[in-house]
C-alpha atoms as a PDB file:
ATOM      1  CA  MET A   1     -68.673 -99.744 -10.476  1.00  0.00           C
ATOM      2  CA  THR A   2     -68.757-103.019 -12.387  1.00  0.00           C
ATOM      3  CA  TYR A   3     -70.643-106.145 -11.438  1.00  0.00           C
ATOM      4  CA  GLU A   4     -67.297-107.824 -10.838  1.00  0.00           C
ATOM      5  CA  VAL A   5     -66.167-105.157  -8.362  1.00  0.00           C
ATOM      6  CA  LEU A   6     -69.522-105.163  -6.580  1.00  0.00           C
ATOM      7  CA  SER A   7     -69.415-108.958  -6.437  1.00  0.00           C
ATOM      8  CA  ALA A   8     -65.968-108.862  -4.838  1.00  0.00           C
ATOM      9  CA  GLN A   9     -67.166-106.325  -2.245  1.00  0.00           C
ATOM     10  CA  THR A  10     -70.436-108.070  -1.393  1.00  0.00           C
ATOM     11  CA  GLY A  11     -69.855-111.769  -1.970  1.00  0.00           C
ATOM     12  CA  ILE A  12     -72.902-111.850  -4.250  1.00  0.00           C
ATOM     13  CA  ALA A  13     -72.356-113.757  -7.508  1.00  0.00           C
ATOM     14  CA  VAL A  14     -71.946-111.658 -10.669  1.00  0.00           C
ATOM     15  CA  ALA A  15     -74.841-113.520 -12.328  1.00  0.00           C
ATOM     16  CA  THR A  16     -77.105-112.658  -9.400  1.00  0.00           C
ATOM     17  CA  LEU A  17     -76.125-108.989  -9.537  1.00  0.00           C
ATOM     18  CA  GLN A  18     -76.804-108.970 -13.278  1.00  0.00           C
ATOM     19  CA  SER A  19     -80.255-110.441 -12.657  1.00  0.00           C
ATOM     20  CA  ILE A  20     -81.009-107.830  -9.998  1.00  0.00           C
ATOM     21  CA  GLY A  21     -79.904-105.086 -12.388  1.00  0.00           C
ATOM     22  CA  SER A  22     -81.729-106.264 -15.479  1.00  0.00           C
ATOM     23  CA  ARG A  23     -84.880-108.101 -14.410  1.00  0.00           C
ATOM     24  CA  PRO A  24     -87.749-105.936 -13.169  1.00  0.00           C
ATOM     25  CA  GLY A  25     -89.419-107.729 -10.324  1.00  0.00           C
ATOM     26  CA  TYR A  26     -86.345-109.800  -9.407  1.00  0.00           C
ATOM     27  CA  ASN A  27     -86.881-110.863  -5.805  1.00  0.00           C
ATOM     28  CA  ALA A  28     -83.607-109.872  -4.141  1.00  0.00           C
ATOM     29  CA  THR A  29     -83.343-110.804  -0.485  1.00  0.00           C
ATOM     30  CA  LEU A  30     -83.013-108.161   2.203  1.00  0.00           C
ATOM     31  CA  SER A  31     -79.569-109.556   2.934  1.00  0.00           C
ATOM     32  CA  MET A  32     -78.486-108.866  -0.663  1.00  0.00           C
ATOM     33  CA  ILE A  33     -79.919-105.363  -0.549  1.00  0.00           C
ATOM     34  CA  GLU A  34     -78.080-104.695   2.707  1.00  0.00           C
ATOM     35  CA  LYS A  35     -74.757-105.881   1.230  1.00  0.00           C
ATOM     36  CA  ILE A  36     -75.214-103.736  -1.884  1.00  0.00           C
ATOM     37  CA  CYS A  37     -76.110-100.688   0.199  1.00  0.00           C
ATOM     38  CA  LEU A  38     -73.076-101.115   2.450  1.00  0.00           C
ATOM     39  CA  ALA A  39     -70.774-101.481  -0.578  1.00  0.00           C
ATOM     40  CA  CYS A  40     -72.280 -98.451  -2.339  1.00  0.00           C
ATOM     41  CA  GLY A  41     -72.748 -96.236   0.713  1.00  0.00           C
ATOM     42  CA  CYS A  42     -76.469 -95.790   0.132  1.00  0.00           C
ATOM     43  CA  THR A  43     -79.827 -96.737   1.641  1.00  0.00           C
ATOM     44  CA  PRO A  44     -82.424 -99.196   0.314  1.00  0.00           C
ATOM     45  CA  GLY A  45     -84.591 -96.258  -0.736  1.00  0.00           C
ATOM     46  CA  ASP A  46     -81.827 -95.180  -3.105  1.00  0.00           C
ATOM     47  CA  LEU A  47     -81.996 -98.559  -4.857  1.00  0.00           C
ATOM     48  CA  LEU A  48     -85.664 -99.518  -4.792  1.00  0.00           C
ATOM     49  CA  GLU A  49     -88.885 -98.136  -6.146  1.00  0.00           C
ATOM     50  CA  LEU A  50     -92.400 -99.485  -5.768  1.00  0.00           C
ATOM     51  CA  ASP A  51     -94.077-100.476  -9.035  1.00  0.00           C
ATOM     52  CA  VAL A  52     -97.760-100.224  -8.119  1.00  0.00           C
ATOM     53  CA  ALA A  53     -98.904-101.933 -11.335  1.00  0.00           C
ATOM     54  CA  LEU A  54     -96.653-104.909 -10.617  1.00  0.00           C
ATOM     55  CA  SER A  55     -97.878-105.042  -6.997  1.00  0.00           C
ATOM     56  CA  ASP A  56    -101.522-104.948  -8.147  1.00  0.00           C
ATOM     57  CA  ALA A  57    -100.945-107.761 -10.648  1.00  0.00           C
ATOM     58  CA  ALA A  58     -99.242-109.909  -8.014  1.00  0.00           C
ATOM     59  CA  SER A  59    -102.075-109.425  -5.532  1.00  0.00           C
ATOM     60  CA  ARG A  60    -104.626-110.576  -8.129  1.00  0.00           C
ATOM     61  CA  ALA A  61    -102.717-113.768  -8.928  1.00  0.00           C
END
């Protein structure tokens, strides 16, 4: 599936989808995650993983 197709199905801008796909730590909203999951027929757990090192760094900041 291309960003353009996913954008058409979700209403999320192509540039935003590209940022979600390429930038580790991009802060996608729950609404965006829900739209992507509905379009792809998956659950949030299929899309997300917890980066403990990133979480630790954020908590120290």
